[in-house]
N, C-alpha and C. Protein backbone atom coordinates (compact mmCIF):
# COMPACT_ATOMS: atom_id res chain seq x y z
N UNK A 1 -20.09 11.21 8.23
CA UNK A 1 -19.08 10.73 9.18
C UNK A 1 -18.60 9.33 8.82
N UNK A 2 -19.55 8.44 8.49
CA UNK A 2 -19.17 7.06 8.18
C UNK A 2 -18.28 7.00 6.94
N UNK A 3 -18.55 7.89 5.96
CA UNK A 3 -17.74 7.90 4.74
C UNK A 3 -16.31 8.35 5.05
N UNK A 4 -16.18 9.36 5.89
CA UNK A 4 -14.87 9.87 6.27
C UNK A 4 -14.06 8.81 7.00
N UNK A 5 -14.71 8.10 7.91
CA UNK A 5 -14.04 7.05 8.67
C UNK A 5 -13.57 5.94 7.74
N UNK A 6 -14.44 5.55 6.81
CA UNK A 6 -14.11 4.46 5.88
C UNK A 6 -12.92 4.81 5.01
N UNK A 7 -12.88 6.05 4.50
CA UNK A 7 -11.77 6.49 3.66
C UNK A 7 -10.45 6.40 4.41
N UNK A 8 -10.46 6.83 5.66
CA UNK A 8 -9.24 6.78 6.47
C UNK A 8 -8.81 5.34 6.73
N UNK A 9 -9.78 4.47 7.00
CA UNK A 9 -9.47 3.07 7.29
C UNK A 9 -8.90 2.34 6.08
N UNK A 10 -9.21 2.83 4.87
CA UNK A 10 -8.73 2.19 3.64
C UNK A 10 -7.36 2.72 3.20
N UNK A 11 -6.85 3.71 3.90
CA UNK A 11 -5.60 4.34 3.49
C UNK A 11 -4.43 3.36 3.51
N UNK A 12 -3.47 3.59 2.62
CA UNK A 12 -2.27 2.77 2.59
C UNK A 12 -1.30 3.16 3.71
N UNK A 13 -1.55 4.32 4.33
CA UNK A 13 -0.70 4.78 5.42
C UNK A 13 -1.28 4.35 6.76
N UNK A 14 -0.46 3.70 7.59
CA UNK A 14 -0.92 3.22 8.89
C UNK A 14 -1.41 4.39 9.77
N UNK A 15 -0.76 5.54 9.64
CA UNK A 15 -1.14 6.71 10.43
C UNK A 15 -2.58 7.11 10.16
N UNK A 16 -2.97 7.08 8.88
CA UNK A 16 -4.34 7.44 8.52
C UNK A 16 -5.34 6.39 9.00
N UNK A 17 -4.93 5.11 8.93
CA UNK A 17 -5.82 4.06 9.42
C UNK A 17 -6.04 4.19 10.93
N UNK A 18 -4.98 4.58 11.63
CA UNK A 18 -5.11 4.82 13.07
C UNK A 18 -6.04 6.00 13.35
N UNK A 19 -5.96 7.02 12.49
CA UNK A 19 -6.85 8.17 12.64
C UNK A 19 -8.30 7.76 12.41
N UNK A 20 -8.50 6.90 11.42
CA UNK A 20 -9.85 6.41 11.15
C UNK A 20 -10.41 5.64 12.33
N UNK A 21 -9.55 4.85 12.97
CA UNK A 21 -9.98 4.08 14.14
C UNK A 21 -10.33 5.02 15.29
N UNK A 22 -9.54 6.09 15.45
CA UNK A 22 -9.82 7.07 16.52
C UNK A 22 -11.16 7.75 16.27
N UNK A 23 -11.46 8.08 15.01
CA UNK A 23 -12.74 8.71 14.68
C UNK A 23 -13.90 7.75 14.94
N UNK A 24 -13.68 6.49 14.64
CA UNK A 24 -14.72 5.48 14.90
C UNK A 24 -15.03 5.39 16.39
N UNK A 25 -13.99 5.40 17.20
CA UNK A 25 -14.18 5.33 18.65
C UNK A 25 -14.96 6.54 19.16
N UNK A 26 -14.73 7.71 18.55
CA UNK A 26 -15.47 8.90 18.94
C UNK A 26 -16.95 8.74 18.65
N UNK A 27 -17.24 8.13 17.50
CA UNK A 27 -18.64 7.89 17.13
C UNK A 27 -19.31 6.97 18.15
N UNK A 28 -18.61 5.92 18.54
CA UNK A 28 -19.16 4.94 19.47
C UNK A 28 -19.35 5.51 20.88
N UNK A 29 -18.61 6.57 21.19
CA UNK A 29 -18.72 7.18 22.51
C UNK A 29 -19.96 8.06 22.64
N UNK A 30 -20.62 8.34 21.52
CA UNK A 30 -21.81 9.18 21.54
C UNK A 30 -23.01 8.46 22.10
N UNK A 31 -24.10 9.18 22.28
CA UNK A 31 -25.35 8.60 22.79
C UNK A 31 -25.84 7.54 21.80
N UNK A 32 -26.09 6.31 22.26
CA UNK A 32 -26.51 5.22 21.37
C UNK A 32 -27.69 5.58 20.47
N UNK A 33 -28.65 6.30 21.01
CA UNK A 33 -29.83 6.64 20.21
C UNK A 33 -29.49 7.65 19.10
N UNK A 34 -28.45 8.45 19.32
CA UNK A 34 -28.06 9.46 18.34
C UNK A 34 -27.14 8.90 17.25
N UNK A 35 -26.36 7.91 17.59
CA UNK A 35 -25.37 7.40 16.64
C UNK A 35 -25.77 6.07 16.01
N UNK A 36 -26.97 5.57 16.32
CA UNK A 36 -27.39 4.27 15.81
C UNK A 36 -27.30 4.19 14.28
N UNK A 37 -27.79 5.24 13.61
CA UNK A 37 -27.78 5.23 12.14
C UNK A 37 -26.35 5.20 11.61
N UNK A 38 -25.46 5.99 12.24
CA UNK A 38 -24.05 6.02 11.80
C UNK A 38 -23.39 4.66 12.00
N UNK A 39 -23.69 4.03 13.13
CA UNK A 39 -23.09 2.73 13.44
C UNK A 39 -23.56 1.67 12.44
N UNK A 40 -24.85 1.71 12.10
CA UNK A 40 -25.38 0.75 11.14
C UNK A 40 -24.71 0.91 9.78
N UNK A 41 -24.50 2.16 9.37
CA UNK A 41 -23.83 2.42 8.10
C UNK A 41 -22.38 1.94 8.15
N UNK A 42 -21.72 2.18 9.27
CA UNK A 42 -20.34 1.76 9.43
C UNK A 42 -20.22 0.24 9.40
N UNK A 43 -21.14 -0.44 10.06
CA UNK A 43 -21.10 -1.91 10.05
C UNK A 43 -21.17 -2.43 8.62
N UNK A 44 -22.09 -1.86 7.82
CA UNK A 44 -22.24 -2.31 6.44
C UNK A 44 -20.97 -2.05 5.63
N UNK A 45 -20.35 -0.89 5.84
CA UNK A 45 -19.15 -0.55 5.10
C UNK A 45 -17.95 -1.42 5.52
N UNK A 46 -17.86 -1.69 6.82
CA UNK A 46 -16.74 -2.51 7.32
C UNK A 46 -16.84 -3.93 6.76
N UNK A 47 -18.04 -4.47 6.70
CA UNK A 47 -18.23 -5.80 6.12
C UNK A 47 -17.74 -5.81 4.68
N UNK A 48 -18.01 -4.71 3.95
CA UNK A 48 -17.56 -4.61 2.57
C UNK A 48 -16.05 -4.57 2.45
N UNK A 49 -15.38 -3.99 3.44
CA UNK A 49 -13.91 -3.89 3.40
C UNK A 49 -13.23 -5.24 3.59
N UNK A 50 -13.79 -6.07 4.46
CA UNK A 50 -13.12 -7.33 4.79
C UNK A 50 -13.69 -8.54 4.05
N UNK A 51 -14.76 -8.32 3.28
CA UNK A 51 -15.39 -9.44 2.57
C UNK A 51 -14.44 -10.02 1.53
N UNK A 52 -14.55 -11.33 1.26
CA UNK A 52 -13.69 -11.96 0.24
C UNK A 52 -13.90 -11.27 -1.11
N UNK A 53 -12.86 -11.22 -1.92
CA UNK A 53 -12.95 -10.58 -3.23
C UNK A 53 -14.03 -11.26 -4.06
N UNK A 54 -14.97 -10.47 -4.55
CA UNK A 54 -16.13 -11.02 -5.26
C UNK A 54 -15.78 -11.52 -6.66
N UNK A 55 -14.87 -10.82 -7.33
CA UNK A 55 -14.53 -11.18 -8.71
C UNK A 55 -13.12 -11.76 -8.79
N UNK A 56 -12.98 -12.77 -9.60
CA UNK A 56 -11.67 -13.40 -9.79
C UNK A 56 -10.73 -12.42 -10.49
N UNK A 57 -9.54 -12.28 -9.96
CA UNK A 57 -8.58 -11.35 -10.55
C UNK A 57 -8.63 -9.96 -9.94
N UNK A 58 -9.70 -9.69 -9.18
CA UNK A 58 -9.81 -8.39 -8.51
C UNK A 58 -9.44 -8.57 -7.05
N UNK A 59 -8.31 -8.00 -6.64
CA UNK A 59 -7.80 -8.20 -5.29
C UNK A 59 -7.86 -6.90 -4.49
N UNK A 60 -8.51 -6.95 -3.34
CA UNK A 60 -8.57 -5.79 -2.46
C UNK A 60 -7.23 -5.61 -1.77
N UNK A 61 -6.76 -4.38 -1.70
CA UNK A 61 -5.47 -4.09 -1.06
C UNK A 61 -5.47 -4.58 0.38
N UNK A 62 -4.35 -5.13 0.82
CA UNK A 62 -4.29 -5.66 2.19
C UNK A 62 -4.53 -4.56 3.21
N UNK A 63 -4.13 -3.32 2.88
CA UNK A 63 -4.34 -2.22 3.82
C UNK A 63 -5.83 -2.00 4.08
N UNK A 64 -6.64 -2.19 3.04
CA UNK A 64 -8.09 -2.03 3.19
C UNK A 64 -8.65 -3.07 4.14
N UNK A 65 -8.23 -4.32 3.95
CA UNK A 65 -8.70 -5.39 4.82
C UNK A 65 -8.19 -5.17 6.25
N UNK A 66 -6.95 -4.70 6.37
CA UNK A 66 -6.38 -4.44 7.69
C UNK A 66 -7.17 -3.36 8.42
N UNK A 67 -7.51 -2.27 7.71
CA UNK A 67 -8.31 -1.21 8.30
C UNK A 67 -9.69 -1.69 8.70
N UNK A 68 -10.29 -2.54 7.86
CA UNK A 68 -11.60 -3.10 8.19
C UNK A 68 -11.56 -3.97 9.43
N UNK A 69 -10.50 -4.74 9.57
CA UNK A 69 -10.35 -5.61 10.74
C UNK A 69 -10.12 -4.78 12.01
N UNK A 70 -9.37 -3.68 11.88
CA UNK A 70 -9.15 -2.80 13.02
C UNK A 70 -10.50 -2.28 13.54
N UNK A 71 -11.36 -1.89 12.60
CA UNK A 71 -12.67 -1.37 12.97
C UNK A 71 -13.56 -2.47 13.55
N UNK A 72 -13.51 -3.66 12.94
CA UNK A 72 -14.33 -4.77 13.42
C UNK A 72 -13.99 -5.13 14.86
N UNK A 73 -12.70 -5.06 15.19
CA UNK A 73 -12.24 -5.38 16.54
C UNK A 73 -12.90 -4.47 17.57
N UNK A 74 -13.10 -3.22 17.21
CA UNK A 74 -13.72 -2.24 18.11
C UNK A 74 -15.25 -2.37 18.12
N UNK A 75 -15.82 -2.71 16.97
CA UNK A 75 -17.27 -2.75 16.84
C UNK A 75 -17.93 -3.98 17.46
N UNK A 76 -17.26 -5.12 17.38
CA UNK A 76 -17.87 -6.40 17.75
C UNK A 76 -18.57 -6.43 19.12
N UNK A 77 -17.97 -5.91 20.19
CA UNK A 77 -18.63 -6.01 21.50
C UNK A 77 -20.06 -5.47 21.54
N UNK A 78 -20.32 -4.39 20.81
CA UNK A 78 -21.67 -3.82 20.83
C UNK A 78 -22.38 -3.86 19.50
N UNK A 79 -21.83 -4.62 18.55
CA UNK A 79 -22.40 -4.66 17.20
C UNK A 79 -23.64 -5.54 17.12
N UNK A 80 -24.34 -5.42 16.00
CA UNK A 80 -25.51 -6.26 15.75
C UNK A 80 -25.06 -7.70 15.50
N UNK A 81 -25.95 -8.64 15.73
CA UNK A 81 -25.63 -10.05 15.49
C UNK A 81 -25.36 -10.28 14.01
N UNK A 82 -26.06 -9.57 13.17
CA UNK A 82 -25.88 -9.71 11.71
C UNK A 82 -24.45 -9.35 11.32
N UNK A 83 -23.93 -8.29 11.92
CA UNK A 83 -22.55 -7.86 11.63
C UNK A 83 -21.57 -8.95 12.05
N UNK A 84 -21.76 -9.49 13.24
CA UNK A 84 -20.84 -10.53 13.74
C UNK A 84 -20.85 -11.77 12.86
N UNK A 85 -22.02 -12.13 12.36
CA UNK A 85 -22.13 -13.29 11.49
C UNK A 85 -21.38 -13.04 10.18
N UNK A 86 -21.51 -11.83 9.65
CA UNK A 86 -20.82 -11.47 8.41
C UNK A 86 -19.30 -11.48 8.61
N UNK A 87 -18.85 -10.95 9.73
CA UNK A 87 -17.41 -10.91 10.03
C UNK A 87 -16.87 -12.33 10.16
N UNK A 88 -17.61 -13.17 10.88
CA UNK A 88 -17.19 -14.56 11.05
C UNK A 88 -17.05 -15.26 9.71
N UNK A 89 -17.95 -14.96 8.79
CA UNK A 89 -17.89 -15.57 7.47
C UNK A 89 -16.68 -15.14 6.66
N UNK A 90 -16.16 -13.95 6.96
CA UNK A 90 -15.01 -13.44 6.21
C UNK A 90 -13.68 -13.91 6.79
N UNK A 91 -13.67 -14.33 8.05
CA UNK A 91 -12.43 -14.70 8.74
C UNK A 91 -11.63 -15.81 8.05
N UNK A 92 -12.25 -16.90 7.58
CA UNK A 92 -11.46 -17.97 6.97
C UNK A 92 -10.49 -17.50 5.89
N UNK A 93 -10.97 -16.70 4.95
CA UNK A 93 -10.11 -16.20 3.87
C UNK A 93 -9.04 -15.25 4.40
N UNK A 94 -9.40 -14.47 5.41
CA UNK A 94 -8.45 -13.50 5.97
C UNK A 94 -7.31 -14.21 6.70
N UNK A 95 -7.60 -15.35 7.30
CA UNK A 95 -6.56 -16.12 7.99
C UNK A 95 -5.58 -16.75 7.00
N UNK A 96 -5.96 -16.79 5.72
CA UNK A 96 -5.09 -17.34 4.69
C UNK A 96 -4.44 -16.25 3.85
N UNK A 97 -4.59 -15.00 4.29
CA UNK A 97 -4.03 -13.86 3.55
C UNK A 97 -2.51 -13.99 3.40
N UNK A 98 -1.99 -13.46 2.31
CA UNK A 98 -0.56 -13.48 2.09
C UNK A 98 0.16 -12.44 2.94
N UNK A 99 -0.59 -11.53 3.55
CA UNK A 99 0.00 -10.49 4.40
C UNK A 99 -0.13 -10.89 5.87
N UNK A 100 1.00 -11.02 6.54
CA UNK A 100 1.00 -11.50 7.92
C UNK A 100 0.22 -10.57 8.86
N UNK A 101 0.25 -9.26 8.58
CA UNK A 101 -0.46 -8.32 9.45
C UNK A 101 -1.96 -8.52 9.38
N UNK A 102 -2.45 -8.93 8.23
CA UNK A 102 -3.88 -9.23 8.08
C UNK A 102 -4.22 -10.51 8.83
N UNK A 103 -3.37 -11.52 8.70
CA UNK A 103 -3.61 -12.79 9.38
C UNK A 103 -3.63 -12.61 10.90
N UNK A 104 -2.68 -11.85 11.41
CA UNK A 104 -2.60 -11.64 12.86
C UNK A 104 -3.83 -10.90 13.38
N UNK A 105 -4.25 -9.88 12.65
CA UNK A 105 -5.40 -9.10 13.09
C UNK A 105 -6.69 -9.91 12.95
N UNK A 106 -6.74 -10.77 11.93
CA UNK A 106 -7.92 -11.64 11.76
C UNK A 106 -8.03 -12.58 12.97
N UNK A 107 -6.88 -13.03 13.47
CA UNK A 107 -6.88 -13.87 14.67
C UNK A 107 -7.40 -13.11 15.88
N UNK A 108 -7.03 -11.83 16.00
CA UNK A 108 -7.51 -11.02 17.12
C UNK A 108 -9.02 -10.82 17.03
N UNK A 109 -9.50 -10.60 15.83
CA UNK A 109 -10.94 -10.42 15.62
C UNK A 109 -11.69 -11.69 15.98
N UNK A 110 -11.12 -12.82 15.60
CA UNK A 110 -11.73 -14.11 15.95
C UNK A 110 -11.80 -14.25 17.47
N UNK A 111 -10.73 -13.85 18.14
CA UNK A 111 -10.73 -13.88 19.61
C UNK A 111 -11.81 -12.99 20.19
N UNK A 112 -12.05 -11.85 19.57
CA UNK A 112 -13.10 -10.94 20.04
C UNK A 112 -14.47 -11.56 19.86
N UNK A 113 -14.64 -12.31 18.78
CA UNK A 113 -15.92 -13.02 18.56
C UNK A 113 -16.13 -14.07 19.64
N UNK A 114 -15.06 -14.78 20.02
CA UNK A 114 -15.15 -15.76 21.10
C UNK A 114 -15.53 -15.06 22.41
N UNK A 115 -14.90 -13.91 22.67
CA UNK A 115 -15.18 -13.17 23.90
C UNK A 115 -16.65 -12.75 23.95
N UNK A 116 -17.18 -12.33 22.82
CA UNK A 116 -18.59 -11.94 22.78
C UNK A 116 -19.50 -13.13 23.06
N UNK A 117 -19.18 -14.27 22.43
CA UNK A 117 -19.99 -15.48 22.64
C UNK A 117 -19.92 -15.91 24.12
N UNK A 118 -18.74 -15.80 24.70
CA UNK A 118 -18.58 -16.18 26.11
C UNK A 118 -19.41 -15.26 27.00
N UNK A 119 -19.41 -13.96 26.70
CA UNK A 119 -20.19 -13.01 27.50
C UNK A 119 -21.68 -13.29 27.38
N UNK A 120 -22.12 -13.71 26.20
CA UNK A 120 -23.54 -14.00 25.99
C UNK A 120 -23.98 -15.24 26.75
N UNK A 121 -23.02 -16.12 27.09
CA UNK A 121 -23.37 -17.36 27.78
C UNK A 121 -23.36 -17.20 29.30
N UNK A 122 -23.04 -15.98 29.79
CA UNK A 122 -23.03 -15.71 31.23
C UNK A 122 -24.28 -14.94 31.60
N UNK A 123 -25.01 -15.47 32.59
CA UNK A 123 -26.28 -14.87 32.98
C UNK A 123 -26.20 -14.39 34.42
N UNK A 124 -26.63 -13.14 34.70
CA UNK A 124 -26.60 -12.64 36.08
C UNK A 124 -27.51 -13.46 36.99
N UNK A 125 -27.03 -13.78 38.19
CA UNK A 125 -27.86 -14.50 39.15
C UNK A 125 -28.71 -13.50 39.93
N UNK A 126 -29.57 -13.98 40.80
CA UNK A 126 -30.46 -13.10 41.56
C UNK A 126 -29.67 -12.17 42.46
N UNK A 127 -28.51 -12.62 42.94
CA UNK A 127 -27.71 -11.79 43.84
C UNK A 127 -26.89 -10.74 43.12
N UNK A 128 -26.98 -10.72 41.79
CA UNK A 128 -26.24 -9.72 41.04
C UNK A 128 -24.92 -10.23 40.50
N UNK A 129 -24.46 -11.41 41.02
CA UNK A 129 -23.22 -11.98 40.50
C UNK A 129 -23.51 -12.68 39.19
N UNK A 130 -22.44 -13.06 38.51
CA UNK A 130 -22.62 -13.76 37.24
C UNK A 130 -22.24 -15.21 37.39
N UNK A 131 -22.99 -16.05 36.73
CA UNK A 131 -22.70 -17.49 36.76
C UNK A 131 -22.96 -18.05 35.39
N UNK A 132 -22.45 -19.22 35.14
CA UNK A 132 -22.63 -19.85 33.84
C UNK A 132 -24.11 -20.04 33.55
N UNK A 133 -24.55 -19.53 32.40
CA UNK A 133 -25.96 -19.63 32.07
C UNK A 133 -26.24 -20.85 31.24
N UNK A 134 -27.52 -21.11 31.03
CA UNK A 134 -27.97 -22.22 30.21
C UNK A 134 -28.55 -21.63 28.95
N UNK A 135 -28.33 -22.28 27.82
CA UNK A 135 -28.81 -21.78 26.55
C UNK A 135 -30.29 -21.44 26.65
N UNK A 136 -30.61 -20.20 26.26
CA UNK A 136 -32.00 -19.79 26.30
C UNK A 136 -32.31 -18.90 27.48
N UNK A 137 -31.50 -18.89 28.53
CA UNK A 137 -31.75 -18.06 29.69
C UNK A 137 -31.24 -16.65 29.44
N UNK A 138 -32.07 -15.66 29.63
CA UNK A 138 -31.73 -14.25 29.49
C UNK A 138 -31.04 -13.97 28.15
N UNK A 139 -31.42 -14.73 27.14
CA UNK A 139 -30.83 -14.52 25.83
C UNK A 139 -29.45 -15.12 25.70
N UNK A 140 -28.94 -15.80 26.73
CA UNK A 140 -27.60 -16.36 26.68
C UNK A 140 -27.53 -17.57 25.77
N UNK A 141 -26.34 -17.85 25.27
CA UNK A 141 -26.15 -18.99 24.38
C UNK A 141 -24.92 -19.75 24.85
N UNK A 142 -25.12 -20.72 25.74
CA UNK A 142 -23.99 -21.44 26.32
C UNK A 142 -23.26 -22.30 25.30
N UNK A 143 -23.93 -22.59 24.19
CA UNK A 143 -23.28 -23.40 23.16
C UNK A 143 -22.58 -22.54 22.11
N UNK A 144 -22.65 -21.22 22.28
CA UNK A 144 -22.08 -20.32 21.27
C UNK A 144 -20.60 -20.50 21.06
N UNK A 145 -19.83 -20.58 22.16
CA UNK A 145 -18.38 -20.72 22.06
C UNK A 145 -18.01 -22.05 21.44
N UNK A 146 -18.65 -23.13 21.90
CA UNK A 146 -18.37 -24.46 21.36
C UNK A 146 -18.69 -24.53 19.87
N UNK A 147 -19.82 -23.93 19.51
CA UNK A 147 -20.24 -23.94 18.11
C UNK A 147 -19.25 -23.17 17.24
N UNK A 148 -18.82 -22.01 17.72
CA UNK A 148 -17.88 -21.20 16.96
C UNK A 148 -16.54 -21.92 16.81
N UNK A 149 -16.09 -22.56 17.89
CA UNK A 149 -14.83 -23.31 17.83
C UNK A 149 -14.92 -24.45 16.84
N UNK A 150 -16.05 -25.12 16.82
CA UNK A 150 -16.23 -26.22 15.88
C UNK A 150 -16.12 -25.76 14.42
N UNK A 151 -16.53 -24.52 14.17
CA UNK A 151 -16.49 -23.99 12.82
C UNK A 151 -15.08 -23.62 12.38
N UNK A 152 -14.28 -23.10 13.31
CA UNK A 152 -12.96 -22.58 12.92
C UNK A 152 -11.80 -23.53 13.22
N UNK A 153 -12.02 -24.55 14.05
CA UNK A 153 -10.92 -25.45 14.43
C UNK A 153 -10.20 -26.06 13.23
N UNK A 154 -10.91 -26.65 12.26
CA UNK A 154 -10.20 -27.27 11.13
C UNK A 154 -9.31 -26.28 10.39
N UNK A 155 -9.79 -25.05 10.23
CA UNK A 155 -9.03 -24.03 9.52
C UNK A 155 -7.78 -23.64 10.30
N UNK A 156 -7.91 -23.50 11.62
CA UNK A 156 -6.78 -23.11 12.45
C UNK A 156 -5.71 -24.20 12.46
N UNK A 157 -6.13 -25.44 12.59
CA UNK A 157 -5.19 -26.57 12.60
C UNK A 157 -4.45 -26.64 11.26
N UNK A 158 -5.19 -26.45 10.17
CA UNK A 158 -4.60 -26.48 8.83
C UNK A 158 -3.55 -25.37 8.69
N UNK A 159 -3.88 -24.17 9.19
CA UNK A 159 -2.95 -23.06 9.10
C UNK A 159 -1.68 -23.29 9.89
N UNK A 160 -1.83 -23.88 11.07
CA UNK A 160 -0.66 -24.17 11.92
C UNK A 160 0.25 -25.17 11.23
N UNK A 161 -0.33 -26.23 10.66
CA UNK A 161 0.47 -27.25 9.99
C UNK A 161 1.22 -26.67 8.80
N UNK A 162 0.54 -25.84 8.02
CA UNK A 162 1.16 -25.29 6.82
C UNK A 162 2.28 -24.32 7.15
N UNK A 163 2.16 -23.61 8.27
CA UNK A 163 3.17 -22.61 8.62
C UNK A 163 4.32 -23.19 9.42
N UNK A 164 4.12 -24.34 10.04
CA UNK A 164 5.19 -24.92 10.85
C UNK A 164 6.07 -25.86 10.04
N UNK A 165 5.55 -26.37 8.92
CA UNK A 165 6.31 -27.30 8.09
C UNK A 165 7.03 -26.52 6.98
N UNK A 166 8.01 -25.72 7.38
CA UNK A 166 8.78 -24.93 6.41
C UNK A 166 10.24 -25.33 6.45
N UNK A 167 10.88 -25.31 5.27
CA UNK A 167 12.30 -25.64 5.17
C UNK A 167 13.10 -24.38 5.43
N UNK A 168 13.82 -24.33 6.53
CA UNK A 168 14.56 -23.13 6.90
C UNK A 168 15.62 -22.78 5.87
N UNK A 169 16.19 -23.78 5.23
CA UNK A 169 17.24 -23.51 4.25
C UNK A 169 16.63 -22.91 2.98
N UNK A 170 15.45 -23.36 2.60
CA UNK A 170 14.77 -22.80 1.43
C UNK A 170 14.35 -21.37 1.71
N UNK A 171 13.83 -21.12 2.92
CA UNK A 171 13.40 -19.77 3.29
C UNK A 171 14.57 -18.81 3.30
N UNK A 172 15.72 -19.30 3.71
CA UNK A 172 16.90 -18.44 3.80
C UNK A 172 17.31 -17.93 2.42
N UNK A 173 17.06 -18.71 1.39
CA UNK A 173 17.48 -18.32 0.05
C UNK A 173 16.73 -17.09 -0.45
N UNK A 174 15.61 -16.75 0.17
CA UNK A 174 14.83 -15.58 -0.25
C UNK A 174 15.41 -14.29 0.31
N UNK A 175 16.41 -14.40 1.17
CA UNK A 175 17.02 -13.22 1.80
C UNK A 175 18.45 -13.07 1.31
N UNK A 176 18.72 -12.07 0.45
CA UNK A 176 20.06 -11.88 -0.12
C UNK A 176 21.16 -11.76 0.93
N UNK A 177 20.89 -11.04 2.03
CA UNK A 177 21.89 -10.86 3.07
C UNK A 177 22.24 -12.20 3.73
N UNK A 178 21.21 -13.01 3.96
CA UNK A 178 21.46 -14.33 4.55
C UNK A 178 22.26 -15.21 3.60
N UNK A 179 21.91 -15.10 2.31
CA UNK A 179 22.63 -15.90 1.31
C UNK A 179 24.11 -15.58 1.34
N UNK A 180 24.42 -14.27 1.42
CA UNK A 180 25.83 -13.85 1.46
C UNK A 180 26.53 -14.40 2.69
N UNK A 181 25.86 -14.32 3.85
CA UNK A 181 26.45 -14.82 5.09
C UNK A 181 26.66 -16.33 5.02
N UNK A 182 25.68 -17.02 4.44
CA UNK A 182 25.77 -18.48 4.33
C UNK A 182 26.93 -18.89 3.41
N UNK A 183 27.11 -18.10 2.35
CA UNK A 183 28.22 -18.41 1.43
C UNK A 183 29.56 -18.24 2.12
N UNK A 184 29.69 -17.18 2.94
CA UNK A 184 30.94 -16.95 3.67
C UNK A 184 31.19 -18.09 4.64
N UNK A 185 30.09 -18.50 5.32
CA UNK A 185 30.22 -19.61 6.27
C UNK A 185 30.60 -20.89 5.56
N UNK A 186 30.00 -21.07 4.36
CA UNK A 186 30.27 -22.28 3.59
C UNK A 186 31.73 -22.33 3.14
N UNK A 187 32.27 -21.16 2.72
CA UNK A 187 33.65 -21.12 2.25
C UNK A 187 34.64 -21.39 3.37
N UNK A 188 34.22 -21.05 4.62
CA UNK A 188 35.11 -21.29 5.76
C UNK A 188 34.96 -22.72 6.27
N UNK A 189 33.94 -23.43 5.76
CA UNK A 189 33.77 -24.83 6.14
C UNK A 189 32.80 -25.05 7.28
N UNK A 190 32.45 -23.97 8.00
CA UNK A 190 31.58 -24.15 9.17
C UNK A 190 30.17 -24.51 8.78
N UNK A 191 29.62 -23.82 7.75
CA UNK A 191 28.26 -24.12 7.33
C UNK A 191 28.18 -25.47 6.66
N UNK A 192 29.19 -25.75 5.82
CA UNK A 192 29.17 -27.01 5.11
C UNK A 192 29.19 -28.20 6.04
N UNK A 193 30.02 -28.10 7.10
CA UNK A 193 30.10 -29.22 8.03
C UNK A 193 28.82 -29.38 8.81
N UNK A 194 28.20 -28.23 9.20
CA UNK A 194 26.96 -28.33 9.97
C UNK A 194 25.84 -28.88 9.12
N UNK A 195 25.80 -28.46 7.83
CA UNK A 195 24.76 -28.96 6.92
C UNK A 195 24.96 -30.44 6.67
N UNK A 196 26.24 -30.85 6.57
CA UNK A 196 26.54 -32.26 6.34
C UNK A 196 26.08 -33.09 7.52
N UNK A 197 26.29 -32.56 8.73
CA UNK A 197 25.87 -33.27 9.93
C UNK A 197 24.37 -33.46 9.95
N UNK A 198 23.66 -32.39 9.51
CA UNK A 198 22.20 -32.47 9.48
C UNK A 198 21.76 -33.53 8.51
N UNK A 199 22.42 -33.58 7.33
CA UNK A 199 22.06 -34.57 6.31
C UNK A 199 22.29 -35.98 6.82
N UNK A 200 23.42 -36.21 7.54
CA UNK A 200 23.72 -37.54 8.07
C UNK A 200 22.67 -37.96 9.09
N UNK A 201 22.24 -36.99 9.92
CA UNK A 201 21.22 -37.30 10.95
C UNK A 201 19.91 -37.67 10.28
N UNK A 202 19.56 -36.94 9.18
CA UNK A 202 18.32 -37.22 8.47
C UNK A 202 18.37 -38.62 7.88
N UNK A 203 19.55 -39.02 7.33
CA UNK A 203 19.66 -40.34 6.73
C UNK A 203 19.52 -41.43 7.77
N UNK A 204 20.10 -41.18 8.97
CA UNK A 204 20.00 -42.16 10.05
C UNK A 204 18.55 -42.33 10.52
N UNK A 205 17.80 -41.19 10.55
CA UNK A 205 16.41 -41.26 10.98
C UNK A 205 15.57 -42.04 10.00
N UNK A 206 15.93 -41.92 8.68
CA UNK A 206 15.17 -42.67 7.66
C UNK A 206 15.44 -44.17 7.80
């Protein structure tokens, strides 16, 4: 079962990856004592899918990493601590992926890790309600969220800075249709005048 799920999750077709995710959910819906071995095998395989490329020049297809992240998102709430640690270790590289779909899903997985840490820091009170726990009580880890944030904050800030500091005019040149529209605007004088105004404002700011 785990091999079949993994093959589907690695597919280049989104439809097959969705099928793999559906099969994974079916496995998780089974009796925990009956599916424990399958889940352990799946955790190991999923870690392999999203792990950073081991050899230089050997690049794992983005679809494979995307499928692995889809599975990790579902597994994390009930997964082993070892699996969560491995996933957390893979997140930094995934957040720097050249494929936006991988980056977005890596962010969702990171959010799921935060949610798990937050749940671990909540301890049931005697009345049955939940209240903020103290590290060490009922296995809770009140410092888990803070610790995780401390590990990923520099990377997130770096990613935001790199993605927000983009030259819109340079980016436009990568799109042939936009280039054609800009040329038409330039020939009519509208684009040229607006670009000139921008240049004058930049000079004044300097």
